[in-house]
């Protein structure tokens, strides 16, 4: 199948003269995949919300590919994003750092090394300047502030109060570690971080309740139904239909479509 001009132009913009070996060994698959992922999908996403530009698209796709366990694909996208899409070294690091909270270090470990290799090859000196905004003493307070922005005023205290005595430490972890240590970091603004979280949860599978929670969280920090749908649209080629449809159900449940 011939790759159409729109898909070819996008491929060349993002990947330059890189030619996948799969284009030689599996030309039919790559033909219809590229036409779908790099033309049809992008047109539909732009119609929903044209603020999902190349830079933002790469951030959410990197987050989803990491959560889905696609290390080889992640390396290609990360290198291309850093070289050709304006994804900064700090942003690459922050996507992976945030992943530790949502997919765990066991999965994120290889991706952290992959980013380090990409940045080192590009001549970036490591470590990067720190982006922490909390200390061991302030992490609970800082996390509480950020968590409330996402889940709503008063909800954090309610969740802590409602937890059984032998499970209260999980709420403490969420506030101090997930939000205070991680989500409160600099380098990415909060609406972008929530899109990244949504993308990871959509891709990881089995996190339907958390997806619904973070659809609400996205709305609370200023993202819209249209923006979430545009993000989910650009994830379809990378996470497949079952996980896409689960995430779509969560969006429709929390922010239903307008009726004509």
Foldseek 3Di string as FASTA:
>chain_A
DAADPQLVVQCCLQQNPDDDPCCVVPVVVCRVLSNQLRPVLLVVLCVLPVVCDLLLLLLLQLLLLLLLLPQVVNLSSLLSCCVRVPQDLLSQQLSLLLVCLVRNCVSSVVSNVSSVVSCVVVVHDPDDPFFAPADPVCQLVQLVVLVCLQQHPPVLVVVLVPDDPVCNVVSSCCSRPNRRGRLSTDPDDNLSVLSSSLSSQLQNPPNLVVNLSSLSRNVSNPDDLSNSVSSLSSCCSPRHDVSSVSSVVSSCVNPNDDDD
